[in-house]
Amino acid sequence: MRTLAYIALAATLAALPVAGRADAATASPWSLTAQAWGGVQRYDVLGLTHAVDTNGGRDLLDGNVRAIGISALLRVGWVDVGILYEGSVLREKTDSAIFTPLLGVRSNLSEYVRVDLLAELGGHQLSNVGLSNGVSASEARTVWLPYVGLRPTLSFTTPMGPLRAVFTVAPFVRWDLVGTTVSVKVGGVSTQVDSYDAGGSTYGVAVGAGIEL
């Protein structure tokens, strides 16, 4: 997924007409922002709660977890269209990934400040479920959950030659649309199975930096 996200971002940048790259003004009819960002997030108690008493019923996503990602956002008039990839390590070996299109609207507060009201509708991948509890990599499970999310983004821009440097702050919230139970065999023994409930909601904040064409 990381490779796919980077290829998509590079292809978007390469497809832009060279003649239009010099105009980075806020009032220009279109712009493209590419950025990398990092943040913290929290998954609520409905998500990935271990259902077996021997494991203490702990939430694999309990507490704050760090996340990093990349995104590309094309603005045409007041309409925003883009893509976003995010990856994070939840607890020990369990990984989470988000890959989603973005759709929204923008509002320019000033020459250097902008708000983008963005919606997400994509896929939430949980991989290596159970790997931290003595489960081998071949036995660990991966599950995809469709989700929706909201991502209001406040951007600060400053001229940088023909481009603009962009710094963003984005609180976000996401809801998995379905829930499922993930069963993992422990140590290859079919009679010993750990069960995990996957599906919940995530909230957090991300801070990013990038360039705008």
N, C-alpha and C. Protein backbone atom coordinates (compact mmCIF):
# COMPACT_ATOMS: atom_id res chain seq x y z
N MET A 1 0.82 -1.20 0.00
CA MET A 1 0.00 0.00 0.00
C MET A 1 0.86 1.26 0.00
N ARG A 2 2.00 1.22 0.75
CA ARG A 2 2.88 2.40 0.75
C ARG A 2 3.38 2.69 -0.66
N THR A 3 3.81 1.62 -1.37
CA THR A 3 4.32 1.79 -2.74
C THR A 3 3.25 2.36 -3.64
N LEU A 4 2.01 1.85 -3.54
CA LEU A 4 0.91 2.33 -4.37
C LEU A 4 0.63 3.80 -4.10
N ALA A 5 0.68 4.19 -2.83
CA ALA A 5 0.41 5.59 -2.49
C ALA A 5 1.47 6.52 -3.06
N TYR A 6 2.75 6.13 -2.94
CA TYR A 6 3.83 6.97 -3.48
C TYR A 6 3.76 7.07 -5.00
N ILE A 7 3.42 5.96 -5.68
CA ILE A 7 3.29 5.97 -7.13
C ILE A 7 2.16 6.90 -7.55
N ALA A 8 1.03 6.83 -6.84
CA ALA A 8 -0.12 7.69 -7.17
C ALA A 8 0.22 9.16 -6.99
N LEU A 9 0.95 9.48 -5.91
CA LEU A 9 1.33 10.86 -5.66
C LEU A 9 2.30 11.36 -6.73
N ALA A 10 3.29 10.54 -7.10
CA ALA A 10 4.24 10.93 -8.13
C ALA A 10 3.57 11.12 -9.48
N ALA A 11 2.61 10.23 -9.81
CA ALA A 11 1.90 10.34 -11.08
C ALA A 11 1.07 11.62 -11.15
N THR A 12 0.47 11.99 -10.04
CA THR A 12 -0.32 13.22 -10.01
C THR A 12 0.55 14.44 -10.26
N LEU A 13 1.72 14.48 -9.61
CA LEU A 13 2.64 15.60 -9.81
C LEU A 13 3.14 15.66 -11.25
N ALA A 14 3.46 14.50 -11.81
CA ALA A 14 4.00 14.47 -13.17
C ALA A 14 2.99 14.89 -14.21
N ALA A 15 1.70 14.72 -13.91
CA ALA A 15 0.66 15.02 -14.89
C ALA A 15 0.31 16.49 -14.99
N LEU A 16 0.82 17.33 -14.12
CA LEU A 16 0.47 18.74 -14.15
C LEU A 16 1.10 19.44 -15.34
N PRO A 17 0.39 20.36 -15.98
CA PRO A 17 0.97 21.13 -17.08
C PRO A 17 2.05 22.06 -16.57
N VAL A 18 3.21 22.02 -17.26
CA VAL A 18 4.34 22.83 -16.82
C VAL A 18 4.00 24.31 -16.82
N ALA A 19 3.24 24.79 -17.79
CA ALA A 19 2.96 26.22 -17.91
C ALA A 19 2.17 26.75 -16.73
N GLY A 20 1.44 25.88 -16.03
CA GLY A 20 0.61 26.36 -14.94
C GLY A 20 1.29 26.32 -13.60
N ARG A 21 2.52 25.89 -13.52
CA ARG A 21 3.15 25.69 -12.22
C ARG A 21 3.65 26.98 -11.59
N ALA A 22 3.76 28.04 -12.33
CA ALA A 22 4.36 29.25 -11.78
C ALA A 22 3.39 30.05 -10.92
N ASP A 23 2.10 29.82 -11.06
CA ASP A 23 1.10 30.61 -10.33
C ASP A 23 0.69 29.88 -9.06
N ALA A 24 1.25 30.32 -7.91
CA ALA A 24 0.92 29.69 -6.64
C ALA A 24 0.06 30.58 -5.77
N ALA A 25 -0.54 31.62 -6.33
CA ALA A 25 -1.35 32.55 -5.55
C ALA A 25 -2.60 31.86 -5.05
N THR A 26 -3.06 32.30 -3.87
CA THR A 26 -4.26 31.72 -3.29
C THR A 26 -5.46 31.87 -4.21
N ALA A 27 -5.54 32.97 -4.95
CA ALA A 27 -6.68 33.24 -5.81
C ALA A 27 -6.58 32.55 -7.17
N SER A 28 -5.54 31.76 -7.43
CA SER A 28 -5.41 31.09 -8.72
C SER A 28 -6.54 30.08 -8.90
N PRO A 29 -6.93 29.78 -10.15
CA PRO A 29 -8.09 28.90 -10.39
C PRO A 29 -7.88 27.46 -9.95
N TRP A 30 -6.61 27.03 -9.82
CA TRP A 30 -6.36 25.67 -9.35
C TRP A 30 -5.03 25.63 -8.60
N SER A 31 -4.86 24.64 -7.77
CA SER A 31 -3.60 24.42 -7.08
C SER A 31 -3.52 22.95 -6.68
N LEU A 32 -2.29 22.50 -6.43
CA LEU A 32 -2.07 21.13 -5.97
C LEU A 32 -1.13 21.16 -4.78
N THR A 33 -1.54 20.57 -3.69
CA THR A 33 -0.72 20.50 -2.49
C THR A 33 -0.29 19.05 -2.27
N ALA A 34 1.00 18.84 -2.12
CA ALA A 34 1.54 17.52 -1.77
C ALA A 34 2.27 17.68 -0.45
N GLN A 35 1.98 16.81 0.50
CA GLN A 35 2.60 16.96 1.81
C GLN A 35 2.77 15.63 2.53
N ALA A 36 3.68 15.66 3.49
CA ALA A 36 3.85 14.56 4.43
C ALA A 36 3.46 15.09 5.81
N TRP A 37 2.97 14.19 6.67
CA TRP A 37 2.51 14.65 7.97
C TRP A 37 2.61 13.52 8.99
N GLY A 38 2.52 13.93 10.24
CA GLY A 38 2.53 12.96 11.33
C GLY A 38 1.57 13.44 12.40
N GLY A 39 1.14 12.52 13.26
CA GLY A 39 0.20 12.90 14.29
C GLY A 39 -0.02 11.82 15.31
N VAL A 40 -0.98 12.06 16.17
CA VAL A 40 -1.38 11.08 17.17
C VAL A 40 -2.86 10.80 17.01
N GLN A 41 -3.27 9.59 17.38
CA GLN A 41 -4.67 9.23 17.27
C GLN A 41 -5.02 8.23 18.37
N ARG A 42 -6.30 8.07 18.57
CA ARG A 42 -6.77 7.11 19.57
C ARG A 42 -7.97 6.36 19.01
N TYR A 43 -7.95 5.05 19.18
CA TYR A 43 -9.06 4.18 18.78
C TYR A 43 -9.88 3.90 20.03
N ASP A 44 -11.18 4.05 19.94
CA ASP A 44 -11.99 3.89 21.16
C ASP A 44 -12.12 2.43 21.59
N VAL A 45 -12.76 2.18 22.72
CA VAL A 45 -12.77 0.85 23.32
C VAL A 45 -13.56 -0.16 22.51
N LEU A 46 -14.27 0.26 21.47
CA LEU A 46 -14.98 -0.69 20.63
C LEU A 46 -14.06 -1.40 19.66
N GLY A 47 -12.85 -0.89 19.50
CA GLY A 47 -11.99 -1.42 18.45
C GLY A 47 -10.96 -2.40 18.94
N LEU A 48 -10.87 -3.55 18.27
CA LEU A 48 -9.86 -4.57 18.51
C LEU A 48 -9.72 -4.94 19.98
N THR A 49 -10.82 -5.09 20.70
CA THR A 49 -10.76 -5.52 22.09
C THR A 49 -10.60 -7.03 22.16
N HIS A 50 -9.60 -7.46 22.88
CA HIS A 50 -9.36 -8.90 23.00
C HIS A 50 -10.50 -9.53 23.80
N ALA A 51 -11.07 -10.61 23.26
CA ALA A 51 -12.26 -11.20 23.87
C ALA A 51 -11.96 -12.38 24.79
N VAL A 52 -10.68 -12.71 24.98
CA VAL A 52 -10.32 -13.86 25.80
C VAL A 52 -9.81 -13.39 27.15
N ASP A 53 -10.35 -13.94 28.25
CA ASP A 53 -9.99 -13.50 29.59
C ASP A 53 -8.51 -13.68 29.89
N THR A 54 -7.88 -14.70 29.30
CA THR A 54 -6.47 -14.95 29.59
C THR A 54 -5.58 -13.82 29.11
N ASN A 55 -6.10 -13.00 28.20
CA ASN A 55 -5.32 -11.87 27.70
C ASN A 55 -5.73 -10.58 28.40
N GLY A 56 -6.58 -10.68 29.40
CA GLY A 56 -6.95 -9.50 30.17
C GLY A 56 -7.97 -8.60 29.49
N GLY A 57 -8.51 -9.02 28.35
CA GLY A 57 -9.50 -8.20 27.65
C GLY A 57 -8.97 -6.84 27.25
N ARG A 58 -7.69 -6.74 26.96
CA ARG A 58 -7.10 -5.43 26.69
C ARG A 58 -7.47 -4.94 25.30
N ASP A 59 -7.44 -3.66 25.13
CA ASP A 59 -7.69 -3.03 23.84
C ASP A 59 -6.35 -2.87 23.13
N LEU A 60 -6.19 -3.52 21.99
CA LEU A 60 -4.91 -3.42 21.27
C LEU A 60 -4.61 -1.99 20.85
N LEU A 61 -5.64 -1.17 20.74
CA LEU A 61 -5.44 0.21 20.31
C LEU A 61 -5.61 1.19 21.46
N ASP A 62 -5.56 0.70 22.68
CA ASP A 62 -5.73 1.57 23.83
C ASP A 62 -4.58 2.56 23.91
N GLY A 63 -4.90 3.80 24.23
CA GLY A 63 -3.88 4.83 24.33
C GLY A 63 -3.62 5.51 23.01
N ASN A 64 -2.73 6.49 23.01
CA ASN A 64 -2.40 7.23 21.80
C ASN A 64 -1.38 6.47 20.97
N VAL A 65 -1.54 6.47 19.67
CA VAL A 65 -0.57 5.85 18.77
C VAL A 65 -0.14 6.88 17.73
N ARG A 66 1.11 6.77 17.32
CA ARG A 66 1.64 7.70 16.33
C ARG A 66 1.31 7.21 14.93
N ALA A 67 1.09 8.15 14.03
CA ALA A 67 0.76 7.82 12.64
C ALA A 67 1.50 8.77 11.72
N ILE A 68 1.92 8.29 10.57
CA ILE A 68 2.55 9.13 9.55
C ILE A 68 1.85 8.85 8.23
N GLY A 69 1.91 9.84 7.32
CA GLY A 69 1.24 9.65 6.04
C GLY A 69 1.65 10.66 5.01
N ILE A 70 1.10 10.50 3.81
CA ILE A 70 1.29 11.44 2.71
C ILE A 70 -0.08 11.70 2.09
N SER A 71 -0.20 12.84 1.45
CA SER A 71 -1.46 13.17 0.79
C SER A 71 -1.19 14.11 -0.37
N ALA A 72 -2.11 14.12 -1.32
CA ALA A 72 -2.11 15.05 -2.44
C ALA A 72 -3.52 15.59 -2.58
N LEU A 73 -3.65 16.92 -2.71
CA LEU A 73 -4.97 17.54 -2.78
C LEU A 73 -5.00 18.54 -3.92
N LEU A 74 -5.87 18.29 -4.89
CA LEU A 74 -6.07 19.18 -6.03
C LEU A 74 -7.28 20.06 -5.77
N ARG A 75 -7.09 21.37 -5.90
CA ARG A 75 -8.18 22.32 -5.73
C ARG A 75 -8.49 22.96 -7.08
N VAL A 76 -9.75 22.88 -7.49
CA VAL A 76 -10.23 23.54 -8.70
C VAL A 76 -11.40 24.41 -8.29
N GLY A 77 -11.19 25.73 -8.31
CA GLY A 77 -12.20 26.62 -7.76
C GLY A 77 -12.31 26.39 -6.27
N TRP A 78 -13.52 26.10 -5.80
CA TRP A 78 -13.71 25.84 -4.37
C TRP A 78 -13.83 24.35 -4.05
N VAL A 79 -13.63 23.48 -5.07
CA VAL A 79 -13.76 22.03 -4.88
C VAL A 79 -12.39 21.40 -4.62
N ASP A 80 -12.31 20.50 -3.65
CA ASP A 80 -11.10 19.75 -3.31
C ASP A 80 -11.28 18.28 -3.69
N VAL A 81 -10.26 17.70 -4.35
CA VAL A 81 -10.23 16.27 -4.67
C VAL A 81 -8.81 15.78 -4.42
N GLY A 82 -8.67 14.65 -3.74
CA GLY A 82 -7.32 14.17 -3.47
C GLY A 82 -7.28 12.73 -3.01
N ILE A 83 -6.09 12.31 -2.56
CA ILE A 83 -5.87 10.97 -2.02
C ILE A 83 -5.03 11.09 -0.76
N LEU A 84 -5.16 10.10 0.13
CA LEU A 84 -4.43 10.11 1.38
C LEU A 84 -4.04 8.69 1.75
N TYR A 85 -2.80 8.54 2.22
CA TYR A 85 -2.33 7.26 2.77
C TYR A 85 -1.78 7.52 4.16
N GLU A 86 -2.11 6.62 5.09
CA GLU A 86 -1.61 6.74 6.47
C GLU A 86 -1.23 5.36 6.98
N GLY A 87 -0.13 5.29 7.70
CA GLY A 87 0.27 4.04 8.33
C GLY A 87 0.65 4.27 9.78
N SER A 88 0.42 3.28 10.62
CA SER A 88 0.77 3.40 12.03
C SER A 88 0.97 2.03 12.64
N VAL A 89 1.77 1.98 13.70
CA VAL A 89 1.96 0.77 14.48
C VAL A 89 1.13 0.92 15.74
N LEU A 90 0.22 -0.02 15.95
CA LEU A 90 -0.74 0.11 17.05
C LEU A 90 -0.15 -0.40 18.36
N ARG A 91 0.00 -1.67 18.51
CA ARG A 91 0.60 -2.22 19.71
C ARG A 91 1.49 -3.38 19.29
N GLU A 92 2.78 -3.27 19.58
CA GLU A 92 3.77 -4.26 19.21
C GLU A 92 3.74 -4.50 17.70
N LYS A 93 3.15 -5.60 17.23
CA LYS A 93 3.25 -5.97 15.82
C LYS A 93 2.00 -5.70 15.01
N THR A 94 0.92 -5.23 15.62
CA THR A 94 -0.31 -4.99 14.87
C THR A 94 -0.22 -3.63 14.18
N ASP A 95 -0.46 -3.63 12.85
CA ASP A 95 -0.33 -2.41 12.06
C ASP A 95 -1.70 -1.96 11.55
N SER A 96 -1.83 -0.66 11.37
CA SER A 96 -3.05 -0.08 10.80
C SER A 96 -2.66 0.75 9.60
N ALA A 97 -3.48 0.73 8.56
CA ALA A 97 -3.24 1.54 7.37
C ALA A 97 -4.56 2.09 6.85
N ILE A 98 -4.52 3.31 6.36
CA ILE A 98 -5.68 3.97 5.77
C ILE A 98 -5.32 4.36 4.34
N PHE A 99 -6.20 4.06 3.40
CA PHE A 99 -6.03 4.53 2.02
C PHE A 99 -7.39 5.03 1.56
N THR A 100 -7.46 6.31 1.19
CA THR A 100 -8.77 6.87 0.91
C THR A 100 -8.70 8.03 -0.08
N PRO A 101 -9.73 8.20 -0.90
CA PRO A 101 -9.88 9.45 -1.63
C PRO A 101 -10.38 10.53 -0.68
N LEU A 102 -10.14 11.77 -1.06
CA LEU A 102 -10.61 12.93 -0.30
C LEU A 102 -11.52 13.76 -1.19
N LEU A 103 -12.58 14.30 -0.61
CA LEU A 103 -13.49 15.17 -1.34
C LEU A 103 -14.00 16.24 -0.38
N GLY A 104 -13.97 17.50 -0.83
CA GLY A 104 -14.42 18.56 0.06
C GLY A 104 -14.47 19.91 -0.61
N VAL A 105 -14.51 20.94 0.21
CA VAL A 105 -14.58 22.32 -0.26
C VAL A 105 -13.56 23.15 0.50
N ARG A 106 -13.14 24.24 -0.12
CA ARG A 106 -12.16 25.12 0.53
C ARG A 106 -12.75 26.50 0.74
N SER A 107 -12.17 27.20 1.70
CA SER A 107 -12.52 28.60 1.95
C SER A 107 -11.26 29.36 2.31
N ASN A 108 -10.96 30.41 1.55
CA ASN A 108 -9.77 31.22 1.82
C ASN A 108 -10.10 32.27 2.88
N LEU A 109 -9.44 32.18 4.03
CA LEU A 109 -9.65 33.15 5.09
C LEU A 109 -8.83 34.41 4.86
N SER A 110 -7.70 34.25 4.19
CA SER A 110 -6.84 35.38 3.82
C SER A 110 -5.90 34.92 2.73
N GLU A 111 -4.96 35.75 2.35
CA GLU A 111 -3.99 35.40 1.32
C GLU A 111 -3.14 34.20 1.74
N TYR A 112 -2.94 34.03 3.05
CA TYR A 112 -2.02 33.00 3.53
C TYR A 112 -2.68 31.94 4.41
N VAL A 113 -3.97 32.04 4.63
CA VAL A 113 -4.66 31.10 5.52
C VAL A 113 -5.88 30.53 4.79
N ARG A 114 -6.07 29.22 4.88
CA ARG A 114 -7.15 28.55 4.17
C ARG A 114 -7.72 27.42 5.02
N VAL A 115 -9.00 27.14 4.87
CA VAL A 115 -9.64 26.00 5.51
C VAL A 115 -10.19 25.08 4.44
N ASP A 116 -9.87 23.79 4.53
CA ASP A 116 -10.42 22.76 3.65
C ASP A 116 -11.27 21.82 4.49
N LEU A 117 -12.56 21.72 4.16
CA LEU A 117 -13.46 20.79 4.85
C LEU A 117 -13.52 19.52 4.02
N LEU A 118 -12.86 18.46 4.50
CA LEU A 118 -12.65 17.25 3.71
C LEU A 118 -13.41 16.07 4.30
N ALA A 119 -13.90 15.22 3.42
CA ALA A 119 -14.54 13.96 3.80
C ALA A 119 -13.70 12.80 3.28
N GLU A 120 -13.62 11.72 4.05
CA GLU A 120 -12.92 10.51 3.66
C GLU A 120 -13.93 9.38 3.50
N LEU A 121 -13.74 8.55 2.49
CA LEU A 121 -14.53 7.33 2.31
C LEU A 121 -13.61 6.30 1.69
N GLY A 122 -13.02 5.46 2.54
CA GLY A 122 -11.99 4.56 2.04
C GLY A 122 -11.92 3.26 2.80
N GLY A 123 -10.71 2.68 2.85
CA GLY A 123 -10.49 1.40 3.48
C GLY A 123 -9.55 1.49 4.65
N HIS A 124 -9.88 0.79 5.73
CA HIS A 124 -9.06 0.71 6.93
C HIS A 124 -8.52 -0.71 7.04
N GLN A 125 -7.20 -0.87 6.93
CA GLN A 125 -6.59 -2.19 6.98
C GLN A 125 -5.94 -2.42 8.34
N LEU A 126 -6.26 -3.53 8.97
CA LEU A 126 -5.60 -3.98 10.19
C LEU A 126 -4.84 -5.25 9.85
N SER A 127 -3.53 -5.22 10.00
CA SER A 127 -2.71 -6.36 9.62
C SER A 127 -1.90 -6.87 10.81
N ASN A 128 -1.42 -8.11 10.69
CA ASN A 128 -0.64 -8.76 11.74
C ASN A 128 -1.42 -8.88 13.05
N VAL A 129 -2.73 -9.03 12.97
CA VAL A 129 -3.54 -9.17 14.17
C VAL A 129 -3.17 -10.48 14.87
N GLY A 130 -2.83 -10.39 16.16
CA GLY A 130 -2.46 -11.56 16.94
C GLY A 130 -0.98 -11.85 16.96
N LEU A 131 -0.18 -11.17 16.12
CA LEU A 131 1.24 -11.49 16.00
C LEU A 131 1.99 -11.25 17.31
N SER A 132 1.51 -10.32 18.14
CA SER A 132 2.21 -9.99 19.38
C SER A 132 1.97 -11.00 20.48
N ASN A 133 1.11 -11.99 20.25
CA ASN A 133 0.76 -12.96 21.30
C ASN A 133 1.24 -14.37 20.98
N GLY A 134 2.42 -14.50 20.44
CA GLY A 134 2.97 -15.81 20.16
C GLY A 134 2.46 -16.43 18.87
N VAL A 135 1.78 -15.66 18.04
CA VAL A 135 1.27 -16.15 16.78
C VAL A 135 2.31 -15.89 15.69
N SER A 136 2.56 -16.89 14.85
CA SER A 136 3.55 -16.71 13.79
C SER A 136 3.01 -15.78 12.72
N ALA A 137 3.92 -15.26 11.89
CA ALA A 137 3.53 -14.33 10.83
C ALA A 137 2.56 -14.98 9.85
N SER A 138 2.72 -16.29 9.60
CA SER A 138 1.83 -16.97 8.66
C SER A 138 0.43 -17.16 9.22
N GLU A 139 0.29 -17.13 10.54
CA GLU A 139 -1.01 -17.32 11.18
C GLU A 139 -1.71 -16.01 11.51
N ALA A 140 -0.95 -14.92 11.58
CA ALA A 140 -1.55 -13.62 11.88
C ALA A 140 -2.54 -13.24 10.77
N ARG A 141 -3.54 -12.47 11.12
CA ARG A 141 -4.62 -12.17 10.20
C ARG A 141 -4.59 -10.71 9.75
N THR A 142 -5.18 -10.47 8.57
CA THR A 142 -5.35 -9.12 8.04
C THR A 142 -6.82 -8.94 7.68
N VAL A 143 -7.37 -7.77 8.00
CA VAL A 143 -8.77 -7.50 7.72
C VAL A 143 -8.90 -6.09 7.17
N TRP A 144 -9.81 -5.91 6.20
CA TRP A 144 -10.13 -4.60 5.64
C TRP A 144 -11.53 -4.20 6.11
N LEU A 145 -11.67 -2.95 6.54
CA LEU A 145 -12.96 -2.43 6.95
C LEU A 145 -13.24 -1.13 6.20
N PRO A 146 -14.41 -0.99 5.56
CA PRO A 146 -14.75 0.30 4.96
C PRO A 146 -15.05 1.31 6.07
N TYR A 147 -14.73 2.57 5.81
CA TYR A 147 -14.95 3.58 6.84
C TYR A 147 -15.28 4.91 6.20
N VAL A 148 -15.84 5.83 7.01
CA VAL A 148 -16.04 7.22 6.60
C VAL A 148 -15.35 8.10 7.63
N GLY A 149 -14.95 9.30 7.21
CA GLY A 149 -14.26 10.20 8.12
C GLY A 149 -14.42 11.65 7.73
N LEU A 150 -14.14 12.53 8.68
CA LEU A 150 -14.13 13.97 8.48
C LEU A 150 -12.76 14.51 8.85
N ARG A 151 -12.25 15.45 8.03
CA ARG A 151 -10.89 15.95 8.23
C ARG A 151 -10.83 17.46 7.91
N PRO A 152 -11.34 18.32 8.77
CA PRO A 152 -11.17 19.76 8.54
C PRO A 152 -9.70 20.14 8.68
N THR A 153 -9.19 20.88 7.71
CA THR A 153 -7.75 21.16 7.65
C THR A 153 -7.51 22.66 7.56
N LEU A 154 -6.71 23.18 8.48
CA LEU A 154 -6.31 24.58 8.48
C LEU A 154 -4.91 24.68 7.90
N SER A 155 -4.75 25.46 6.83
CA SER A 155 -3.46 25.58 6.13
C SER A 155 -2.91 26.99 6.22
N PHE A 156 -1.60 27.06 6.44
CA PHE A 156 -0.86 28.31 6.42
C PHE A 156 0.16 28.22 5.29
N THR A 157 0.19 29.20 4.39
CA THR A 157 1.08 29.16 3.24
C THR A 157 2.01 30.37 3.24
N THR A 158 3.15 30.19 2.58
CA THR A 158 4.09 31.29 2.41
C THR A 158 4.80 31.11 1.07
N PRO A 159 5.04 32.20 0.31
CA PRO A 159 5.69 32.08 -0.99
C PRO A 159 7.09 31.45 -0.87
N MET A 160 7.43 30.63 -1.86
CA MET A 160 8.76 30.01 -1.93
C MET A 160 9.13 29.92 -3.40
N GLY A 161 9.60 31.05 -3.96
CA GLY A 161 9.85 31.11 -5.39
C GLY A 161 8.54 31.01 -6.15
N PRO A 162 8.48 30.16 -7.18
CA PRO A 162 7.22 29.99 -7.93
C PRO A 162 6.21 29.11 -7.19
N LEU A 163 6.63 28.55 -6.05
CA LEU A 163 5.78 27.65 -5.29
C LEU A 163 5.36 28.31 -3.99
N ARG A 164 4.67 27.54 -3.17
CA ARG A 164 4.37 27.95 -1.80
C ARG A 164 4.70 26.80 -0.85
N ALA A 165 5.25 27.17 0.29
CA ALA A 165 5.38 26.20 1.37
C ALA A 165 4.05 26.17 2.13
N VAL A 166 3.63 24.98 2.52
CA VAL A 166 2.34 24.81 3.19
C VAL A 166 2.53 24.08 4.50
N PHE A 167 1.91 24.59 5.56
CA PHE A 167 1.92 23.96 6.87
C PHE A 167 0.47 23.80 7.32
N THR A 168 0.12 22.59 7.76
CA THR A 168 -1.28 22.30 8.05
C THR A 168 -1.46 21.70 9.44
N VAL A 169 -2.65 21.94 9.98
CA VAL A 169 -3.10 21.29 11.21
C VAL A 169 -4.47 20.70 10.91
N ALA A 170 -4.66 19.40 11.19
CA ALA A 170 -5.91 18.73 10.80
C ALA A 170 -6.40 17.80 11.91
N PRO A 171 -7.39 18.20 12.68
CA PRO A 171 -8.08 17.21 13.53
C PRO A 171 -8.92 16.30 12.65
N PHE A 172 -9.13 15.07 13.07
CA PHE A 172 -9.91 14.15 12.24
C PHE A 172 -10.66 13.15 13.12
N VAL A 173 -11.72 12.59 12.54
CA VAL A 173 -12.48 11.53 13.19
C VAL A 173 -12.92 10.55 12.11
N ARG A 174 -12.89 9.24 12.43
CA ARG A 174 -13.23 8.19 11.47
C ARG A 174 -14.12 7.15 12.14
N TRP A 175 -15.04 6.59 11.34
CA TRP A 175 -15.92 5.54 11.83
C TRP A 175 -15.86 4.34 10.90
N ASP A 176 -15.49 3.17 11.41
CA ASP A 176 -15.59 1.94 10.62
C ASP A 176 -17.06 1.63 10.40
N LEU A 177 -17.42 1.30 9.16
CA LEU A 177 -18.83 1.09 8.82
C LEU A 177 -19.34 -0.29 9.20
N VAL A 178 -18.43 -1.23 9.39
CA VAL A 178 -18.83 -2.59 9.79
C VAL A 178 -17.88 -3.06 10.88
N GLY A 179 -18.31 -4.07 11.59
CA GLY A 179 -17.46 -4.72 12.57
C GLY A 179 -17.35 -6.20 12.25
N THR A 180 -16.26 -6.81 12.70
CA THR A 180 -16.07 -8.22 12.44
C THR A 180 -15.25 -8.83 13.56
N THR A 181 -15.30 -10.14 13.70
CA THR A 181 -14.49 -10.86 14.68
C THR A 181 -13.37 -11.57 13.95
N VAL A 182 -12.14 -11.33 14.38
CA VAL A 182 -10.97 -11.95 13.77
C VAL A 182 -10.50 -13.07 14.70
N SER A 183 -10.49 -14.31 14.20
CA SER A 183 -10.06 -15.46 14.98
C SER A 183 -8.68 -15.89 14.52
N VAL A 184 -7.77 -16.05 15.48
CA VAL A 184 -6.38 -16.40 15.17
C VAL A 184 -5.98 -17.63 15.97
N LYS A 185 -5.46 -18.66 15.29
CA LYS A 185 -4.98 -19.85 15.97
C LYS A 185 -3.61 -19.56 16.60
N VAL A 186 -3.46 -19.94 17.84
CA VAL A 186 -2.24 -19.67 18.59
C VAL A 186 -1.30 -20.86 18.49
N GLY A 187 -0.08 -20.62 18.03
CA GLY A 187 0.93 -21.67 17.98
C GLY A 187 0.58 -22.82 17.08
N GLY A 188 -0.34 -22.59 16.12
CA GLY A 188 -0.71 -23.64 15.20
C GLY A 188 -1.61 -24.70 15.80
N VAL A 189 -2.04 -24.51 17.01
CA VAL A 189 -2.92 -25.49 17.66
C VAL A 189 -4.37 -25.10 17.40
N SER A 190 -5.10 -25.95 16.71
CA SER A 190 -6.44 -25.58 16.27
C SER A 190 -7.41 -25.41 17.43
N THR A 191 -7.13 -26.03 18.59
CA THR A 191 -8.06 -25.94 19.71
C THR A 191 -7.88 -24.67 20.52
N GLN A 192 -6.81 -23.92 20.29
CA GLN A 192 -6.58 -22.68 21.02
C GLN A 192 -6.69 -21.51 20.05
N VAL A 193 -7.73 -20.73 20.20
CA VAL A 193 -8.03 -19.64 19.27
C VAL A 193 -8.23 -18.35 20.05
N ASP A 194 -7.54 -17.31 19.64
CA ASP A 194 -7.77 -15.97 20.19
C ASP A 194 -8.74 -15.24 19.26
N SER A 195 -9.66 -14.48 19.85
CA SER A 195 -10.63 -13.73 19.07
C SER A 195 -10.48 -12.23 19.33
N TYR A 196 -10.58 -11.44 18.26
CA TYR A 196 -10.48 -10.00 18.36
C TYR A 196 -11.69 -9.37 17.66
N ASP A 197 -12.28 -8.39 18.30
CA ASP A 197 -13.35 -7.63 17.68
C ASP A 197 -12.73 -6.44 16.94
N ALA A 198 -12.92 -6.36 15.63
CA ALA A 198 -12.38 -5.27 14.82
C ALA A 198 -13.52 -4.38 14.36
N GLY A 199 -13.37 -3.09 14.53
CA GLY A 199 -14.38 -2.13 14.13
C GLY A 199 -14.64 -1.15 15.24
N GLY A 200 -14.53 0.13 14.95
CA GLY A 200 -14.72 1.15 15.96
C GLY A 200 -14.56 2.53 15.37
N SER A 201 -14.13 3.48 16.18
CA SER A 201 -13.93 4.84 15.70
C SER A 201 -12.58 5.36 16.16
N THR A 202 -12.03 6.26 15.37
CA THR A 202 -10.71 6.84 15.61
C THR A 202 -10.82 8.35 15.62
N TYR A 203 -10.07 8.98 16.52
CA TYR A 203 -9.99 10.44 16.47
C TYR A 203 -8.56 10.85 16.80
N GLY A 204 -8.15 12.00 16.27
CA GLY A 204 -6.78 12.44 16.50
C GLY A 204 -6.52 13.77 15.82
N VAL A 205 -5.23 14.11 15.73
CA VAL A 205 -4.83 15.35 15.07
C VAL A 205 -3.50 15.11 14.35
N ALA A 206 -3.36 15.72 13.19
CA ALA A 206 -2.14 15.57 12.38
C ALA A 206 -1.59 16.94 12.05
N VAL A 207 -0.26 17.02 11.96
CA VAL A 207 0.44 18.24 11.58
C VAL A 207 1.30 17.91 10.35
N GLY A 208 1.19 18.73 9.31
CA GLY A 208 1.89 18.41 8.07
C GLY A 208 2.65 19.57 7.48
N ALA A 209 3.53 19.25 6.53
CA ALA A 209 4.28 20.26 5.78
C ALA A 209 4.45 19.77 4.37
N GLY A 210 4.44 20.70 3.40
CA GLY A 210 4.60 20.30 2.01
C GLY A 210 4.77 21.50 1.11
N ILE A 211 4.51 21.29 -0.18
CA ILE A 211 4.62 22.34 -1.18
C ILE A 211 3.32 22.43 -1.95
N GLU A 212 3.07 23.61 -2.50
CA GLU A 212 1.86 23.84 -3.29
C GLU A 212 2.25 24.39 -4.64
N LEU A 213 1.71 23.79 -5.69
CA LEU A 213 1.96 24.22 -7.06
C LEU A 213 0.79 25.07 -7.54
